């Protein structure tokens, strides 16, 4: 029964993040629903392995998202 409910339940959207070192070079990638804990993680629009150990292109960064949770948005009238 749990399997059937899981088919219809809403899953959090996965977001992509890159870990940058002090020089701005990409050291790691992570795909998760919440931002990773720690310094140096930035949200990106996609993961490209060619960015590894290179500076992250400015176009790859996503601007900061609002801190408001999607489950707490006001309902439309």
N, C-alpha and C. Protein backbone atom coordinates (compact mmCIF):
# COMPACT_ATOMS: atom_id res chain seq x y z
N UNK A 1 0.82 -1.19 0.00
CA UNK A 1 0.00 0.00 0.00
C UNK A 1 0.87 1.26 0.00
N UNK A 2 1.97 1.19 0.75
CA UNK A 2 2.87 2.36 0.80
C UNK A 2 3.38 2.69 -0.61
N UNK A 3 3.64 1.65 -1.40
CA UNK A 3 4.11 1.87 -2.76
C UNK A 3 3.10 2.66 -3.58
N UNK A 4 1.82 2.34 -3.45
CA UNK A 4 0.78 3.07 -4.20
C UNK A 4 0.74 4.53 -3.78
N UNK A 5 0.82 4.80 -2.48
CA UNK A 5 0.81 6.20 -2.01
C UNK A 5 2.05 6.93 -2.53
N UNK A 6 3.19 6.26 -2.59
CA UNK A 6 4.41 6.92 -3.05
C UNK A 6 4.31 7.32 -4.52
N UNK A 7 3.49 6.60 -5.30
CA UNK A 7 3.32 6.96 -6.71
C UNK A 7 2.60 8.30 -6.87
N UNK A 8 1.71 8.62 -5.94
CA UNK A 8 0.90 9.82 -6.05
C UNK A 8 1.36 10.95 -5.15
N UNK A 9 2.30 10.69 -4.26
CA UNK A 9 2.77 11.74 -3.37
C UNK A 9 3.72 12.67 -4.11
N UNK A 10 3.74 13.91 -3.68
CA UNK A 10 4.59 14.91 -4.29
C UNK A 10 6.02 14.75 -3.80
N UNK A 11 6.94 14.67 -4.71
CA UNK A 11 8.34 14.54 -4.36
C UNK A 11 9.02 15.91 -4.49
N UNK A 12 9.91 16.25 -3.56
CA UNK A 12 10.59 17.53 -3.69
C UNK A 12 11.47 17.55 -4.93
N UNK A 13 11.47 18.67 -5.61
CA UNK A 13 12.29 18.80 -6.82
C UNK A 13 13.76 18.79 -6.44
N UNK A 14 14.56 18.11 -7.23
CA UNK A 14 16.00 18.08 -6.99
C UNK A 14 16.64 19.32 -7.58
N UNK A 15 17.58 19.87 -6.83
CA UNK A 15 18.32 21.05 -7.26
C UNK A 15 19.80 20.68 -7.35
N UNK A 16 20.55 21.39 -8.19
CA UNK A 16 21.96 21.09 -8.39
C UNK A 16 22.81 22.16 -7.69
N UNK A 17 23.91 21.70 -7.07
CA UNK A 17 24.81 22.59 -6.36
C UNK A 17 26.24 22.26 -6.73
N UNK A 18 27.11 23.27 -6.66
CA UNK A 18 28.54 23.09 -6.89
C UNK A 18 29.28 23.62 -5.68
N UNK A 19 30.33 22.93 -5.28
CA UNK A 19 31.19 23.37 -4.19
C UNK A 19 32.39 24.08 -4.80
N UNK A 20 32.57 25.35 -4.43
CA UNK A 20 33.66 26.15 -4.96
C UNK A 20 34.74 26.32 -3.90
N UNK A 21 36.02 26.29 -4.33
CA UNK A 21 37.11 26.55 -3.40
C UNK A 21 37.35 28.06 -3.29
N UNK A 22 38.38 28.46 -2.58
CA UNK A 22 38.65 29.88 -2.34
C UNK A 22 38.94 30.64 -3.63
N UNK A 23 39.43 29.96 -4.66
CA UNK A 23 39.72 30.60 -5.95
C UNK A 23 38.53 30.55 -6.90
N UNK A 24 37.40 29.99 -6.47
CA UNK A 24 36.21 29.92 -7.31
C UNK A 24 36.17 28.73 -8.24
N UNK A 25 37.07 27.76 -8.04
CA UNK A 25 37.08 26.56 -8.88
C UNK A 25 36.15 25.51 -8.31
N UNK A 26 35.48 24.80 -9.18
CA UNK A 26 34.52 23.77 -8.80
C UNK A 26 35.26 22.54 -8.27
N UNK A 27 34.88 22.10 -7.07
CA UNK A 27 35.51 20.94 -6.44
C UNK A 27 34.58 19.73 -6.34
N UNK A 28 33.26 19.97 -6.37
CA UNK A 28 32.31 18.87 -6.24
C UNK A 28 30.94 19.32 -6.72
N UNK A 29 30.10 18.34 -7.03
CA UNK A 29 28.71 18.59 -7.40
C UNK A 29 27.81 17.80 -6.46
N UNK A 30 26.60 18.29 -6.27
CA UNK A 30 25.63 17.58 -5.45
C UNK A 30 24.24 17.90 -5.98
N UNK A 31 23.38 16.88 -6.01
CA UNK A 31 22.00 17.06 -6.43
C UNK A 31 21.11 16.63 -5.27
N UNK A 32 20.33 17.57 -4.72
CA UNK A 32 19.49 17.28 -3.56
C UNK A 32 18.33 18.28 -3.52
N UNK A 33 17.37 18.01 -2.65
CA UNK A 33 16.20 18.89 -2.57
C UNK A 33 16.44 20.11 -1.69
N UNK A 34 17.38 20.02 -0.74
CA UNK A 34 17.71 21.15 0.14
C UNK A 34 19.16 21.55 -0.07
N UNK A 35 19.49 22.82 0.15
CA UNK A 35 20.89 23.24 -0.01
C UNK A 35 21.81 22.48 0.94
N UNK A 36 23.01 22.11 0.47
CA UNK A 36 23.96 21.42 1.33
C UNK A 36 24.43 22.33 2.47
N UNK A 37 24.80 21.72 3.58
CA UNK A 37 25.31 22.45 4.72
C UNK A 37 26.81 22.69 4.52
N UNK A 38 27.25 23.89 4.84
CA UNK A 38 28.68 24.20 4.74
C UNK A 38 28.93 25.39 3.84
N UNK A 39 30.14 25.86 3.91
CA UNK A 39 30.56 27.02 3.11
C UNK A 39 30.95 26.59 1.70
N UNK A 40 30.73 27.48 0.75
CA UNK A 40 31.22 27.27 -0.60
C UNK A 40 30.22 26.67 -1.58
N UNK A 41 29.06 26.23 -1.11
CA UNK A 41 28.08 25.64 -2.02
C UNK A 41 27.27 26.74 -2.70
N UNK A 42 27.13 26.66 -4.01
CA UNK A 42 26.29 27.59 -4.76
C UNK A 42 25.34 26.78 -5.64
N UNK A 43 24.15 27.31 -5.85
CA UNK A 43 23.18 26.61 -6.69
C UNK A 43 23.47 26.92 -8.16
N UNK A 44 23.40 25.88 -8.98
CA UNK A 44 23.67 26.01 -10.40
C UNK A 44 22.48 25.46 -11.20
N UNK A 45 22.43 25.83 -12.48
CA UNK A 45 21.30 25.39 -13.31
C UNK A 45 21.48 23.99 -13.87
N UNK A 46 22.72 23.50 -13.93
CA UNK A 46 22.98 22.16 -14.43
C UNK A 46 24.36 21.71 -13.95
N UNK A 47 24.61 20.43 -14.02
CA UNK A 47 25.91 19.88 -13.66
C UNK A 47 26.63 19.51 -14.95
N UNK A 48 27.84 20.05 -15.09
CA UNK A 48 28.69 19.71 -16.24
C UNK A 48 30.05 19.28 -15.71
N UNK A 49 30.44 18.07 -16.01
CA UNK A 49 31.71 17.56 -15.50
C UNK A 49 32.91 18.34 -16.04
N UNK A 50 32.75 19.03 -17.14
CA UNK A 50 33.85 19.82 -17.69
C UNK A 50 34.18 21.02 -16.81
N UNK A 51 33.29 21.38 -15.88
CA UNK A 51 33.56 22.48 -14.95
C UNK A 51 34.44 22.06 -13.78
N UNK A 52 34.64 20.76 -13.57
CA UNK A 52 35.40 20.28 -12.45
C UNK A 52 36.83 20.82 -12.49
N UNK A 53 37.27 21.38 -11.37
CA UNK A 53 38.61 21.97 -11.19
C UNK A 53 38.84 23.21 -12.06
N UNK A 54 37.76 23.81 -12.54
CA UNK A 54 37.82 25.05 -13.31
C UNK A 54 36.89 26.07 -12.67
N UNK A 55 37.09 27.36 -12.96
CA UNK A 55 36.15 28.36 -12.45
C UNK A 55 34.75 28.11 -13.01
N UNK A 56 33.76 28.31 -12.18
CA UNK A 56 32.37 28.12 -12.58
C UNK A 56 31.94 29.28 -13.46
N UNK A 57 31.36 29.04 -14.64
CA UNK A 57 30.87 30.15 -15.47
C UNK A 57 29.79 30.94 -14.74
N UNK A 58 29.80 32.24 -14.89
CA UNK A 58 28.82 33.11 -14.21
C UNK A 58 27.40 32.75 -14.61
N UNK A 59 27.19 32.33 -15.84
CA UNK A 59 25.84 32.00 -16.32
C UNK A 59 25.28 30.76 -15.65
N UNK A 60 26.14 29.95 -15.03
CA UNK A 60 25.69 28.70 -14.42
C UNK A 60 25.00 28.92 -13.08
N UNK A 61 25.31 30.01 -12.40
CA UNK A 61 24.75 30.26 -11.06
C UNK A 61 23.29 30.65 -11.15
N UNK A 62 22.54 30.20 -10.16
CA UNK A 62 21.14 30.59 -10.02
C UNK A 62 21.08 31.59 -8.89
N UNK A 63 20.31 32.66 -9.08
CA UNK A 63 20.20 33.66 -8.02
C UNK A 63 19.54 33.04 -6.80
N UNK A 64 19.77 33.63 -5.63
CA UNK A 64 19.24 33.11 -4.38
C UNK A 64 17.73 32.97 -4.44
N UNK A 65 17.23 31.85 -3.95
CA UNK A 65 15.79 31.60 -3.89
C UNK A 65 15.24 32.20 -2.61
N UNK A 66 13.96 32.58 -2.61
CA UNK A 66 13.38 33.07 -1.36
C UNK A 66 13.37 31.98 -0.30
N UNK A 67 13.48 32.38 0.97
CA UNK A 67 13.55 31.43 2.07
C UNK A 67 12.19 30.80 2.39
N UNK A 68 11.12 31.31 1.80
CA UNK A 68 9.78 30.81 2.09
C UNK A 68 9.60 29.41 1.54
N UNK A 69 9.04 28.54 2.33
CA UNK A 69 8.78 27.18 1.94
C UNK A 69 7.61 27.11 0.96
N UNK A 70 7.66 26.24 -0.07
CA UNK A 70 6.55 26.15 -1.01
C UNK A 70 5.27 25.66 -0.36
N UNK A 71 5.36 24.95 0.75
CA UNK A 71 4.15 24.47 1.41
C UNK A 71 3.45 25.55 2.21
N UNK A 72 4.09 26.72 2.38
CA UNK A 72 3.50 27.81 3.13
C UNK A 72 3.09 28.99 2.26
N UNK A 73 2.92 28.77 0.98
CA UNK A 73 2.51 29.84 0.09
C UNK A 73 1.02 30.09 0.26
N UNK A 74 0.61 31.36 0.13
CA UNK A 74 -0.81 31.66 0.27
C UNK A 74 -1.62 31.03 -0.86
N UNK A 75 -2.84 30.67 -0.55
CA UNK A 75 -3.74 30.09 -1.55
C UNK A 75 -4.39 31.18 -2.39
N UNK A 76 -4.59 30.89 -3.65
CA UNK A 76 -5.26 31.85 -4.54
C UNK A 76 -6.76 31.85 -4.24
N UNK A 77 -7.36 33.01 -4.39
CA UNK A 77 -8.80 33.12 -4.10
C UNK A 77 -9.65 32.68 -5.27
